[in-house]
N, C-alpha and C. Protein backbone atom coordinates (compact mmCIF):
# COMPACT_ATOMS: atom_id res chain seq x y z
N MET A 1 28.55 34.11 7.20
CA MET A 1 28.32 33.12 8.25
C MET A 1 26.97 32.44 7.99
N LEU A 2 26.94 31.14 8.11
CA LEU A 2 25.72 30.38 7.90
C LEU A 2 24.99 30.18 9.22
N LEU A 3 24.00 30.99 9.46
CA LEU A 3 23.21 30.85 10.69
C LEU A 3 22.01 29.95 10.43
N GLY A 4 21.73 29.08 11.37
CA GLY A 4 20.55 28.24 11.27
C GLY A 4 20.62 27.21 10.14
N ARG A 5 21.78 26.81 9.77
CA ARG A 5 21.90 25.83 8.69
C ARG A 5 22.63 24.58 9.19
N ASN A 6 22.23 24.13 10.34
CA ASN A 6 22.87 22.95 10.94
C ASN A 6 22.70 21.70 10.10
N LYS A 7 21.70 21.66 9.24
CA LYS A 7 21.50 20.46 8.45
C LYS A 7 22.62 20.26 7.43
N TYR A 8 23.40 21.34 7.17
CA TYR A 8 24.50 21.22 6.22
C TYR A 8 25.79 20.74 6.87
N THR A 9 25.79 20.64 8.19
CA THR A 9 26.96 20.09 8.86
C THR A 9 26.85 18.58 8.86
N GLU A 10 27.93 17.92 9.18
CA GLU A 10 27.91 16.46 9.18
C GLU A 10 26.86 15.91 10.15
N SER A 11 26.81 16.47 11.35
CA SER A 11 25.84 15.97 12.32
C SER A 11 24.41 16.28 11.88
N GLY A 12 24.19 17.42 11.23
CA GLY A 12 22.86 17.76 10.73
C GLY A 12 22.43 16.83 9.63
N TYR A 13 23.36 16.47 8.74
CA TYR A 13 23.05 15.55 7.65
C TYR A 13 22.69 14.17 8.18
N ILE A 14 23.47 13.69 9.13
CA ILE A 14 23.21 12.38 9.73
C ILE A 14 21.87 12.39 10.45
N GLY A 15 21.60 13.49 11.17
CA GLY A 15 20.32 13.61 11.87
C GLY A 15 19.15 13.55 10.91
N ALA A 16 19.26 14.28 9.78
CA ALA A 16 18.18 14.27 8.79
C ALA A 16 18.00 12.88 8.18
N ALA A 17 19.11 12.19 7.97
CA ALA A 17 19.04 10.84 7.40
C ALA A 17 18.41 9.87 8.38
N LEU A 18 18.70 10.03 9.66
CA LEU A 18 18.16 9.13 10.67
C LEU A 18 16.70 9.44 10.99
N ILE A 19 16.39 10.72 11.08
CA ILE A 19 15.02 11.11 11.43
C ILE A 19 14.12 10.93 10.21
N GLY A 20 14.49 11.51 9.09
CA GLY A 20 13.80 11.30 7.82
C GLY A 20 12.34 11.71 7.82
N ASN A 21 11.68 11.28 6.79
CA ASN A 21 10.28 11.56 6.56
C ASN A 21 9.42 10.53 7.30
N PRO A 22 8.43 10.97 8.07
CA PRO A 22 7.57 10.02 8.79
C PRO A 22 6.87 9.00 7.90
N VAL A 23 6.51 9.42 6.69
CA VAL A 23 5.84 8.49 5.76
C VAL A 23 6.81 7.39 5.34
N ASP A 24 8.05 7.79 5.05
CA ASP A 24 9.07 6.80 4.69
C ASP A 24 9.36 5.86 5.85
N GLN A 25 9.39 6.41 7.05
CA GLN A 25 9.63 5.57 8.24
C GLN A 25 8.52 4.54 8.40
N LEU A 26 7.29 4.96 8.22
CA LEU A 26 6.16 4.03 8.34
C LEU A 26 6.25 2.95 7.28
N GLU A 27 6.61 3.33 6.07
CA GLU A 27 6.75 2.34 5.00
C GLU A 27 7.84 1.34 5.33
N GLN A 28 8.96 1.80 5.87
CA GLN A 28 10.05 0.90 6.24
C GLN A 28 9.61 -0.06 7.35
N ARG A 29 8.84 0.45 8.31
CA ARG A 29 8.36 -0.41 9.39
C ARG A 29 7.37 -1.45 8.84
N CYS A 30 6.53 -1.04 7.89
CA CYS A 30 5.58 -1.98 7.28
C CYS A 30 6.32 -3.07 6.50
N ILE A 31 7.38 -2.69 5.81
CA ILE A 31 8.20 -3.67 5.09
C ILE A 31 8.80 -4.65 6.09
N ALA A 32 9.25 -4.14 7.23
CA ALA A 32 9.81 -5.01 8.27
C ALA A 32 8.76 -5.96 8.83
N VAL A 33 7.53 -5.47 9.01
CA VAL A 33 6.44 -6.33 9.48
C VAL A 33 6.20 -7.45 8.47
N ARG A 34 6.10 -7.10 7.20
CA ARG A 34 5.85 -8.11 6.16
C ARG A 34 6.94 -9.17 6.15
N GLN A 35 8.20 -8.73 6.23
CA GLN A 35 9.31 -9.68 6.19
C GLN A 35 9.36 -10.55 7.44
N SER A 36 9.08 -9.96 8.60
CA SER A 36 9.09 -10.73 9.85
C SER A 36 8.03 -11.81 9.87
N VAL A 37 6.85 -11.48 9.35
CA VAL A 37 5.77 -12.47 9.29
C VAL A 37 6.12 -13.54 8.25
N LYS A 38 6.65 -13.11 7.12
CA LYS A 38 7.03 -14.05 6.06
C LYS A 38 8.10 -15.04 6.56
N ASP A 39 9.06 -14.54 7.33
CA ASP A 39 10.14 -15.38 7.85
C ASP A 39 9.73 -16.16 9.10
N HIS A 40 8.49 -15.98 9.54
CA HIS A 40 7.96 -16.63 10.75
C HIS A 40 8.74 -16.23 12.00
N ASP A 41 9.28 -15.00 11.99
CA ASP A 41 9.94 -14.49 13.19
C ASP A 41 8.91 -14.09 14.23
N PHE A 42 7.80 -13.51 13.77
CA PHE A 42 6.71 -13.07 14.64
C PHE A 42 5.40 -13.46 13.99
N SER A 43 4.36 -13.52 14.82
CA SER A 43 3.01 -13.62 14.27
C SER A 43 2.65 -12.23 13.75
N TYR A 44 1.55 -12.13 13.05
CA TYR A 44 1.12 -10.85 12.49
C TYR A 44 0.96 -9.80 13.61
N VAL A 45 0.23 -10.15 14.63
CA VAL A 45 -0.03 -9.22 15.73
C VAL A 45 1.27 -8.85 16.46
N GLU A 46 2.14 -9.83 16.69
CA GLU A 46 3.42 -9.55 17.35
C GLU A 46 4.29 -8.62 16.51
N ALA A 47 4.29 -8.81 15.19
CA ALA A 47 5.09 -7.95 14.32
C ALA A 47 4.56 -6.52 14.32
N LEU A 48 3.24 -6.37 14.28
CA LEU A 48 2.66 -5.04 14.35
C LEU A 48 3.07 -4.34 15.63
N ASP A 49 3.01 -5.06 16.72
CA ASP A 49 3.38 -4.50 18.02
C ASP A 49 4.87 -4.18 18.07
N ALA A 50 5.70 -5.09 17.60
CA ALA A 50 7.15 -4.91 17.66
C ALA A 50 7.61 -3.70 16.85
N TYR A 51 6.99 -3.48 15.70
CA TYR A 51 7.40 -2.37 14.83
C TYR A 51 6.51 -1.14 14.96
N GLN A 52 5.59 -1.18 15.92
CA GLN A 52 4.71 -0.05 16.22
C GLN A 52 3.95 0.43 14.98
N VAL A 53 3.27 -0.52 14.34
CA VAL A 53 2.45 -0.22 13.16
C VAL A 53 1.03 -0.65 13.48
N SER A 54 0.07 0.21 13.17
CA SER A 54 -1.33 -0.16 13.40
C SER A 54 -1.80 -1.08 12.29
N ASP A 55 -2.84 -1.83 12.58
CA ASP A 55 -3.43 -2.73 11.59
C ASP A 55 -3.90 -1.94 10.37
N ALA A 56 -4.53 -0.79 10.61
CA ALA A 56 -5.03 0.04 9.50
C ALA A 56 -3.88 0.57 8.65
N ASP A 57 -2.80 1.02 9.28
CA ASP A 57 -1.64 1.52 8.52
C ASP A 57 -1.02 0.41 7.69
N TYR A 58 -0.94 -0.79 8.25
CA TYR A 58 -0.33 -1.90 7.51
C TYR A 58 -1.20 -2.29 6.32
N LYS A 59 -2.51 -2.33 6.52
CA LYS A 59 -3.41 -2.68 5.42
C LYS A 59 -3.38 -1.61 4.33
N ALA A 60 -3.26 -0.34 4.72
CA ALA A 60 -3.12 0.73 3.73
C ALA A 60 -1.82 0.57 2.94
N PHE A 61 -0.74 0.20 3.63
CA PHE A 61 0.53 -0.06 2.97
C PHE A 61 0.39 -1.21 1.97
N LEU A 62 -0.26 -2.29 2.37
CA LEU A 62 -0.45 -3.43 1.46
C LEU A 62 -1.25 -3.01 0.22
N GLY A 63 -2.28 -2.20 0.42
CA GLY A 63 -3.07 -1.73 -0.72
C GLY A 63 -2.24 -0.91 -1.69
N GLU A 64 -1.44 0.00 -1.16
CA GLU A 64 -0.57 0.82 -2.01
C GLU A 64 0.46 -0.05 -2.73
N ASP A 65 0.99 -1.04 -2.02
CA ASP A 65 1.98 -1.92 -2.62
C ASP A 65 1.36 -2.76 -3.74
N LEU A 66 0.14 -3.24 -3.52
CA LEU A 66 -0.55 -3.99 -4.56
C LEU A 66 -0.82 -3.11 -5.78
N ASN A 67 -1.20 -1.87 -5.54
CA ASN A 67 -1.44 -0.95 -6.65
C ASN A 67 -0.18 -0.76 -7.49
N ARG A 68 0.96 -0.60 -6.83
CA ARG A 68 2.23 -0.45 -7.56
C ARG A 68 2.51 -1.68 -8.41
N ASN A 69 2.28 -2.86 -7.84
CA ASN A 69 2.54 -4.09 -8.58
C ASN A 69 1.55 -4.30 -9.71
N ILE A 70 0.31 -3.88 -9.53
CA ILE A 70 -0.68 -4.01 -10.60
C ILE A 70 -0.31 -3.09 -11.76
N PHE A 71 0.18 -1.90 -11.46
CA PHE A 71 0.64 -1.00 -12.53
C PHE A 71 1.62 -1.73 -13.43
N ILE A 72 2.61 -2.34 -12.83
CA ILE A 72 3.68 -2.96 -13.59
C ILE A 72 3.20 -4.20 -14.32
N SER A 73 2.47 -5.08 -13.63
CA SER A 73 2.07 -6.34 -14.27
C SER A 73 0.96 -6.13 -15.30
N PHE A 74 0.12 -5.12 -15.12
CA PHE A 74 -0.97 -4.90 -16.05
C PHE A 74 -0.49 -4.22 -17.33
N SER A 75 0.33 -3.17 -17.16
CA SER A 75 0.72 -2.39 -18.32
C SER A 75 2.17 -2.59 -18.74
N GLY A 76 2.96 -3.25 -17.90
CA GLY A 76 4.37 -3.43 -18.21
C GLY A 76 5.17 -2.17 -17.99
N THR A 77 4.55 -1.15 -17.43
CA THR A 77 5.20 0.13 -17.20
C THR A 77 4.59 0.75 -15.95
N THR A 78 5.16 1.85 -15.52
CA THR A 78 4.60 2.55 -14.36
C THR A 78 3.66 3.66 -14.79
N ALA A 79 3.33 3.73 -16.09
CA ALA A 79 2.40 4.74 -16.58
C ALA A 79 1.02 4.50 -15.97
N PRO A 80 0.31 5.57 -15.64
CA PRO A 80 -1.02 5.41 -15.03
C PRO A 80 -1.99 4.68 -15.95
N ILE A 81 -2.87 3.90 -15.34
CA ILE A 81 -3.93 3.24 -16.09
C ILE A 81 -5.25 3.82 -15.63
N LYS A 82 -6.29 3.62 -16.42
CA LYS A 82 -7.60 4.21 -16.14
C LYS A 82 -8.23 3.58 -14.90
N THR A 83 -9.04 4.38 -14.21
CA THR A 83 -9.74 3.91 -13.01
C THR A 83 -10.61 2.70 -13.34
N ILE A 84 -11.25 2.73 -14.48
CA ILE A 84 -12.13 1.62 -14.87
C ILE A 84 -11.33 0.34 -15.03
N ASP A 85 -10.10 0.45 -15.51
CA ASP A 85 -9.24 -0.73 -15.64
C ASP A 85 -8.88 -1.28 -14.27
N TYR A 86 -8.59 -0.39 -13.31
CA TYR A 86 -8.34 -0.83 -11.94
C TYR A 86 -9.52 -1.62 -11.42
N PHE A 87 -10.71 -1.06 -11.63
CA PHE A 87 -11.89 -1.72 -11.12
C PHE A 87 -12.07 -3.10 -11.76
N ALA A 88 -11.84 -3.20 -13.05
CA ALA A 88 -11.97 -4.49 -13.74
C ALA A 88 -11.00 -5.52 -13.17
N ILE A 89 -9.77 -5.07 -12.87
CA ILE A 89 -8.78 -5.98 -12.28
C ILE A 89 -9.24 -6.45 -10.91
N TYR A 90 -9.66 -5.51 -10.06
CA TYR A 90 -10.10 -5.88 -8.71
C TYR A 90 -11.34 -6.75 -8.74
N GLU A 91 -12.26 -6.45 -9.65
CA GLU A 91 -13.46 -7.26 -9.77
C GLU A 91 -13.09 -8.70 -10.13
N THR A 92 -12.19 -8.86 -11.07
CA THR A 92 -11.75 -10.19 -11.47
C THR A 92 -11.08 -10.92 -10.31
N MET A 93 -10.23 -10.17 -9.58
CA MET A 93 -9.55 -10.78 -8.42
C MET A 93 -10.55 -11.24 -7.37
N LEU A 94 -11.50 -10.39 -7.04
CA LEU A 94 -12.48 -10.73 -6.00
C LEU A 94 -13.39 -11.87 -6.44
N LEU A 95 -13.83 -11.83 -7.68
CA LEU A 95 -14.73 -12.88 -8.15
C LEU A 95 -14.02 -14.22 -8.32
N SER A 96 -12.70 -14.20 -8.41
CA SER A 96 -11.97 -15.47 -8.51
C SER A 96 -12.07 -16.26 -7.20
N PHE A 97 -12.42 -15.59 -6.11
CA PHE A 97 -12.59 -16.27 -4.83
C PHE A 97 -14.00 -16.80 -4.62
N ILE A 98 -14.92 -16.37 -5.49
CA ILE A 98 -16.32 -16.76 -5.34
C ILE A 98 -16.70 -17.59 -6.56
N ALA A 99 -16.86 -18.88 -6.35
CA ALA A 99 -17.16 -19.78 -7.48
C ALA A 99 -18.51 -19.46 -8.12
N HIS A 100 -19.52 -19.23 -7.29
CA HIS A 100 -20.88 -18.97 -7.78
C HIS A 100 -21.42 -17.75 -7.04
N PRO A 101 -21.14 -16.54 -7.58
CA PRO A 101 -21.58 -15.34 -6.87
C PRO A 101 -23.10 -15.24 -6.80
N SER A 102 -23.60 -14.80 -5.68
CA SER A 102 -25.04 -14.64 -5.49
C SER A 102 -25.51 -13.41 -6.26
N GLU A 103 -26.82 -13.26 -6.34
CA GLU A 103 -27.40 -12.09 -7.00
C GLU A 103 -26.98 -10.81 -6.26
N ARG A 104 -26.89 -10.89 -4.96
CA ARG A 104 -26.48 -9.74 -4.14
C ARG A 104 -25.07 -9.28 -4.52
N VAL A 105 -24.16 -10.24 -4.69
CA VAL A 105 -22.79 -9.91 -5.08
C VAL A 105 -22.77 -9.32 -6.48
N LYS A 106 -23.51 -9.91 -7.39
CA LYS A 106 -23.58 -9.40 -8.77
C LYS A 106 -24.13 -7.98 -8.79
N ASP A 107 -25.19 -7.73 -7.99
CA ASP A 107 -25.78 -6.39 -7.92
C ASP A 107 -24.79 -5.38 -7.35
N LEU A 108 -24.04 -5.81 -6.36
CA LEU A 108 -23.04 -4.93 -5.75
C LEU A 108 -21.98 -4.53 -6.78
N PHE A 109 -21.48 -5.51 -7.54
CA PHE A 109 -20.48 -5.19 -8.56
C PHE A 109 -21.06 -4.31 -9.66
N LYS A 110 -22.32 -4.54 -10.01
CA LYS A 110 -22.96 -3.71 -11.03
C LYS A 110 -23.06 -2.27 -10.55
N ALA A 111 -23.47 -2.08 -9.29
CA ALA A 111 -23.59 -0.73 -8.72
C ALA A 111 -22.22 -0.06 -8.63
N LEU A 112 -21.22 -0.80 -8.19
CA LEU A 112 -19.86 -0.24 -8.11
C LEU A 112 -19.34 0.12 -9.49
N SER A 113 -19.60 -0.72 -10.45
CA SER A 113 -19.16 -0.48 -11.82
C SER A 113 -19.77 0.82 -12.37
N GLU A 114 -21.05 1.00 -12.11
CA GLU A 114 -21.73 2.23 -12.55
C GLU A 114 -21.11 3.46 -11.88
N GLU A 115 -20.83 3.37 -10.61
CA GLU A 115 -20.23 4.48 -9.89
C GLU A 115 -18.84 4.80 -10.42
N VAL A 116 -18.06 3.78 -10.71
CA VAL A 116 -16.71 3.99 -11.26
C VAL A 116 -16.79 4.64 -12.63
N LYS A 117 -17.75 4.22 -13.46
CA LYS A 117 -17.91 4.81 -14.79
C LYS A 117 -18.27 6.28 -14.69
N GLN A 118 -19.10 6.64 -13.71
CA GLN A 118 -19.50 8.03 -13.53
C GLN A 118 -18.31 8.89 -13.08
N GLU A 119 -17.43 8.32 -12.26
CA GLU A 119 -16.28 9.04 -11.74
C GLU A 119 -15.18 9.18 -12.79
N ALA A 120 -15.13 8.24 -13.74
CA ALA A 120 -14.03 8.22 -14.72
C ALA A 120 -14.17 9.28 -15.77
């Protein structure tokens, strides 16, 4: 007799599929927020509220999603790339928005670069 194995019954399987992993659920809600805003169904704030996603959670999702895409576009594969390479990519992206970076910005990137080299 199978005691305590309700997940192997049809209703248990459906329940597990519907309830699922909280991390996966959050990711699905973040995808829905992105699509709703893209389709102009909701404003950003309305979409966050409608799908019960915090601003911080959504921004963390976007960061993870960008990292996945950088893996593929940078290396053509999902193989890990070095931390220093990540930093070089982000530095280039950020500096592309600043036509003439100030000395403060240059010093900040220099300090960050040194820290990344020490961690690598």
